[in-house]
Amino acid sequence: MRLDKFLKVSRLIKRRTLAKEVSDQGRISVNGVPAKASTNVKAGDELAIRFGQKVVSVKIERIQENSRKEEAAEMYTILGEERIPGDDEE
């Protein structure tokens, strides 16, 4: 499945167009490698997504073409969150 579609279906990012923009800006890596929106992802892959001043690491548990809100959180496991110190912090 394409990275941008997975992010939308899993509800990690609300809209597919936003997921495409974020990945094309180089803010997402798959297994440590910067990824584009068209990168194929599979169960077992680890994603690192940069949201502003934090990086969220998740492991893909399963791939589904579509999911209900209750099922979306079961598609991945959050491995951790890490704050990135900004220029204004010391």
N, C-alpha and C. Protein backbone atom coordinates (compact mmCIF):
# COMPACT_ATOMS: atom_id res chain seq x y z
N MET A 1 0.85 -1.18 0.00
CA MET A 1 0.00 0.00 0.00
C MET A 1 0.90 1.24 0.00
N ARG A 2 0.45 2.27 -0.68
CA ARG A 2 1.20 3.53 -0.71
C ARG A 2 1.22 4.16 0.69
N LEU A 3 2.32 4.83 0.98
CA LEU A 3 2.50 5.48 2.28
C LEU A 3 1.39 6.49 2.57
N ASP A 4 1.08 7.36 1.60
CA ASP A 4 0.06 8.38 1.85
C ASP A 4 -1.31 7.76 2.13
N LYS A 5 -1.64 6.68 1.44
CA LYS A 5 -2.93 6.02 1.69
C LYS A 5 -2.94 5.36 3.07
N PHE A 6 -1.83 4.71 3.46
CA PHE A 6 -1.77 4.09 4.78
C PHE A 6 -1.98 5.14 5.88
N LEU A 7 -1.32 6.28 5.75
CA LEU A 7 -1.43 7.33 6.77
C LEU A 7 -2.87 7.81 6.90
N LYS A 8 -3.59 7.89 5.78
CA LYS A 8 -4.98 8.32 5.83
C LYS A 8 -5.88 7.23 6.42
N VAL A 9 -5.76 6.00 5.92
CA VAL A 9 -6.62 4.90 6.38
C VAL A 9 -6.40 4.63 7.87
N SER A 10 -5.15 4.72 8.33
CA SER A 10 -4.85 4.47 9.74
C SER A 10 -5.17 5.67 10.62
N ARG A 11 -5.50 6.79 9.99
CA ARG A 11 -5.84 8.04 10.67
C ARG A 11 -4.66 8.65 11.44
N LEU A 12 -3.43 8.31 11.04
CA LEU A 12 -2.27 9.00 11.61
C LEU A 12 -2.25 10.43 11.10
N ILE A 13 -2.68 10.62 9.84
CA ILE A 13 -2.87 11.95 9.25
C ILE A 13 -4.26 11.94 8.63
N LYS A 14 -5.03 13.01 8.86
CA LYS A 14 -6.45 13.02 8.52
C LYS A 14 -6.76 12.94 7.02
N ARG A 15 -5.98 13.66 6.21
CA ARG A 15 -6.29 13.72 4.78
C ARG A 15 -5.12 13.21 3.96
N ARG A 16 -5.45 12.54 2.85
CA ARG A 16 -4.40 11.98 2.00
C ARG A 16 -3.55 13.06 1.35
N THR A 17 -4.16 14.19 0.99
CA THR A 17 -3.38 15.27 0.38
C THR A 17 -2.38 15.83 1.39
N LEU A 18 -2.77 15.93 2.64
CA LEU A 18 -1.85 16.39 3.69
C LEU A 18 -0.73 15.36 3.91
N ALA A 19 -1.09 14.08 3.90
CA ALA A 19 -0.09 13.02 4.04
C ALA A 19 0.92 13.08 2.90
N LYS A 20 0.45 13.37 1.69
CA LYS A 20 1.35 13.49 0.53
C LYS A 20 2.29 14.67 0.71
N GLU A 21 1.76 15.81 1.14
CA GLU A 21 2.60 16.99 1.34
C GLU A 21 3.67 16.74 2.41
N VAL A 22 3.28 16.14 3.52
CA VAL A 22 4.22 15.89 4.62
C VAL A 22 5.33 14.95 4.16
N SER A 23 4.97 13.88 3.46
CA SER A 23 6.00 12.93 3.02
C SER A 23 6.89 13.53 1.94
N ASP A 24 6.33 14.32 1.05
CA ASP A 24 7.15 14.93 0.00
C ASP A 24 8.08 16.01 0.56
N GLN A 25 7.80 16.53 1.76
CA GLN A 25 8.68 17.49 2.41
C GLN A 25 9.83 16.79 3.14
N GLY A 26 9.84 15.45 3.12
CA GLY A 26 10.91 14.69 3.76
C GLY A 26 10.74 14.54 5.26
N ARG A 27 9.51 14.65 5.76
CA ARG A 27 9.27 14.57 7.20
C ARG A 27 8.88 13.18 7.67
N ILE A 28 8.90 12.21 6.74
CA ILE A 28 8.55 10.84 7.10
C ILE A 28 9.64 9.91 6.61
N SER A 29 10.04 8.96 7.46
CA SER A 29 10.99 7.95 7.02
C SER A 29 10.40 6.57 7.28
N VAL A 30 10.72 5.64 6.38
CA VAL A 30 10.29 4.25 6.50
C VAL A 30 11.55 3.42 6.72
N ASN A 31 11.62 2.75 7.86
CA ASN A 31 12.79 1.94 8.22
C ASN A 31 14.08 2.75 8.13
N GLY A 32 14.02 4.02 8.55
CA GLY A 32 15.20 4.87 8.59
C GLY A 32 15.56 5.55 7.28
N VAL A 33 14.79 5.33 6.23
CA VAL A 33 15.07 5.91 4.92
C VAL A 33 13.98 6.94 4.60
N PRO A 34 14.35 8.18 4.24
CA PRO A 34 13.33 9.17 3.87
C PRO A 34 12.42 8.62 2.78
N ALA A 35 11.11 8.85 2.94
CA ALA A 35 10.14 8.24 2.04
C ALA A 35 9.27 9.28 1.35
N LYS A 36 8.90 9.00 0.11
CA LYS A 36 7.95 9.81 -0.65
C LYS A 36 6.55 9.22 -0.45
N ALA A 37 5.53 9.95 -0.89
CA ALA A 37 4.15 9.51 -0.75
C ALA A 37 3.89 8.19 -1.46
N SER A 38 4.62 7.93 -2.54
CA SER A 38 4.38 6.72 -3.34
C SER A 38 5.13 5.49 -2.82
N THR A 39 5.91 5.64 -1.75
CA THR A 39 6.66 4.51 -1.20
C THR A 39 5.69 3.43 -0.71
N ASN A 40 5.97 2.19 -1.08
CA ASN A 40 5.13 1.08 -0.62
C ASN A 40 5.52 0.70 0.81
N VAL A 41 4.50 0.52 1.66
CA VAL A 41 4.73 0.08 3.03
C VAL A 41 4.03 -1.25 3.25
N LYS A 42 4.54 -2.02 4.22
CA LYS A 42 3.96 -3.33 4.52
C LYS A 42 4.00 -3.54 6.03
N ALA A 43 3.32 -4.56 6.49
CA ALA A 43 3.33 -4.89 7.92
C ALA A 43 4.76 -5.16 8.36
N GLY A 44 5.12 -4.63 9.51
CA GLY A 44 6.48 -4.79 10.03
C GLY A 44 7.36 -3.58 9.80
N ASP A 45 6.98 -2.70 8.87
CA ASP A 45 7.76 -1.48 8.63
C ASP A 45 7.63 -0.52 9.81
N GLU A 46 8.68 0.26 10.04
CA GLU A 46 8.65 1.27 11.09
C GLU A 46 8.69 2.66 10.45
N LEU A 47 7.77 3.51 10.87
CA LEU A 47 7.68 4.87 10.35
C LEU A 47 8.12 5.85 11.43
N ALA A 48 8.78 6.92 11.01
CA ALA A 48 9.08 8.04 11.90
C ALA A 48 8.47 9.27 11.23
N ILE A 49 7.51 9.89 11.90
CA ILE A 49 6.78 11.03 11.34
C ILE A 49 7.06 12.25 12.19
N ARG A 50 7.50 13.34 11.54
CA ARG A 50 7.79 14.57 12.26
C ARG A 50 6.59 15.50 12.19
N PHE A 51 6.00 15.75 13.35
CA PHE A 51 4.88 16.69 13.49
C PHE A 51 5.41 17.90 14.25
N GLY A 52 5.72 18.98 13.58
CA GLY A 52 6.21 20.18 14.26
C GLY A 52 7.47 19.89 15.06
N GLN A 53 7.38 20.00 16.41
CA GLN A 53 8.54 19.82 17.28
C GLN A 53 8.63 18.43 17.89
N LYS A 54 7.91 17.45 17.33
CA LYS A 54 8.05 16.09 17.86
C LYS A 54 8.07 15.07 16.74
N VAL A 55 8.71 13.95 17.04
CA VAL A 55 8.79 12.83 16.10
C VAL A 55 8.06 11.65 16.73
N VAL A 56 7.09 11.10 16.00
CA VAL A 56 6.34 9.94 16.47
C VAL A 56 6.82 8.73 15.68
N SER A 57 7.22 7.68 16.41
CA SER A 57 7.66 6.43 15.77
C SER A 57 6.56 5.39 15.92
N VAL A 58 6.18 4.76 14.81
CA VAL A 58 5.15 3.73 14.84
C VAL A 58 5.60 2.51 14.05
N LYS A 59 5.06 1.36 14.42
CA LYS A 59 5.31 0.13 13.69
C LYS A 59 3.99 -0.30 13.06
N ILE A 60 4.03 -0.61 11.77
CA ILE A 60 2.82 -1.03 11.06
C ILE A 60 2.52 -2.48 11.45
N GLU A 61 1.34 -2.71 11.98
CA GLU A 61 0.94 -4.06 12.39
C GLU A 61 0.22 -4.79 11.27
N ARG A 62 -0.63 -4.08 10.53
CA ARG A 62 -1.34 -4.69 9.41
C ARG A 62 -1.79 -3.64 8.43
N ILE A 63 -2.09 -4.10 7.22
CA ILE A 63 -2.53 -3.22 6.14
C ILE A 63 -3.98 -3.56 5.81
N GLN A 64 -4.82 -2.55 5.72
CA GLN A 64 -6.21 -2.71 5.31
C GLN A 64 -6.52 -1.62 4.29
N GLU A 65 -7.37 -1.93 3.32
CA GLU A 65 -7.73 -0.94 2.31
C GLU A 65 -8.59 0.18 2.89
N ASN A 66 -9.43 -0.16 3.86
CA ASN A 66 -10.22 0.86 4.54
C ASN A 66 -10.52 0.36 5.95
N SER A 67 -10.86 1.28 6.84
CA SER A 67 -11.11 0.88 8.22
C SER A 67 -12.06 1.85 8.88
N ARG A 68 -12.78 1.33 9.87
CA ARG A 68 -13.61 2.19 10.69
C ARG A 68 -12.72 2.84 11.74
N LYS A 69 -13.24 3.87 12.37
CA LYS A 69 -12.47 4.62 13.35
C LYS A 69 -11.92 3.71 14.46
N GLU A 70 -12.74 2.76 14.91
CA GLU A 70 -12.32 1.87 15.99
C GLU A 70 -11.17 0.95 15.55
N GLU A 71 -11.16 0.55 14.28
CA GLU A 71 -10.15 -0.37 13.77
C GLU A 71 -8.84 0.33 13.41
N ALA A 72 -8.89 1.62 13.15
CA ALA A 72 -7.72 2.34 12.64
C ALA A 72 -6.53 2.25 13.59
N ALA A 73 -6.77 2.37 14.88
CA ALA A 73 -5.67 2.35 15.85
C ALA A 73 -5.03 0.97 15.96
N GLU A 74 -5.70 -0.07 15.49
CA GLU A 74 -5.14 -1.42 15.54
C GLU A 74 -4.17 -1.68 14.39
N MET A 75 -4.09 -0.76 13.43
CA MET A 75 -3.23 -0.95 12.26
C MET A 75 -1.76 -0.64 12.58
N TYR A 76 -1.50 0.01 13.72
CA TYR A 76 -0.13 0.38 14.07
C TYR A 76 0.05 0.38 15.58
N THR A 77 1.31 0.33 16.00
CA THR A 77 1.67 0.43 17.41
C THR A 77 2.62 1.61 17.56
N ILE A 78 2.35 2.49 18.51
CA ILE A 78 3.23 3.62 18.74
C ILE A 78 4.44 3.13 19.53
N LEU A 79 5.63 3.32 18.95
CA LEU A 79 6.87 2.89 19.59
C LEU A 79 7.41 3.97 20.52
N GLY A 80 7.12 5.23 20.21
CA GLY A 80 7.59 6.31 21.07
C GLY A 80 7.38 7.68 20.45
N GLU A 81 7.49 8.68 21.29
CA GLU A 81 7.42 10.07 20.86
C GLU A 81 8.64 10.79 21.41
N GLU A 82 9.21 11.65 20.59
CA GLU A 82 10.43 12.35 20.99
C GLU A 82 10.31 13.82 20.61
N ARG A 83 10.56 14.70 21.56
CA ARG A 83 10.53 16.15 21.26
C ARG A 83 11.86 16.56 20.62
N ILE A 84 11.74 17.44 19.66
CA ILE A 84 12.92 18.00 19.01
C ILE A 84 13.13 19.39 19.60
N PRO A 85 14.29 19.65 20.22
CA PRO A 85 14.50 20.98 20.77
C PRO A 85 14.49 22.03 19.65
N GLY A 86 13.73 23.09 19.86
CA GLY A 86 13.67 24.16 18.87
C GLY A 86 14.78 25.18 19.07
N ASP A 87 14.84 26.16 18.21
CA ASP A 87 15.85 27.20 18.30
C ASP A 87 15.67 28.08 19.53
N ASP A 88 14.40 28.17 20.02
CA ASP A 88 14.12 29.03 21.15
C ASP A 88 14.33 28.32 22.49
N GLU A 89 14.63 27.00 22.47
CA GLU A 89 14.86 26.26 23.70
C GLU A 89 16.35 26.04 23.92
N GLU A 90 16.73 25.90 25.18
CA GLU A 90 18.14 25.63 25.48
C GLU A 90 18.30 24.37 26.26
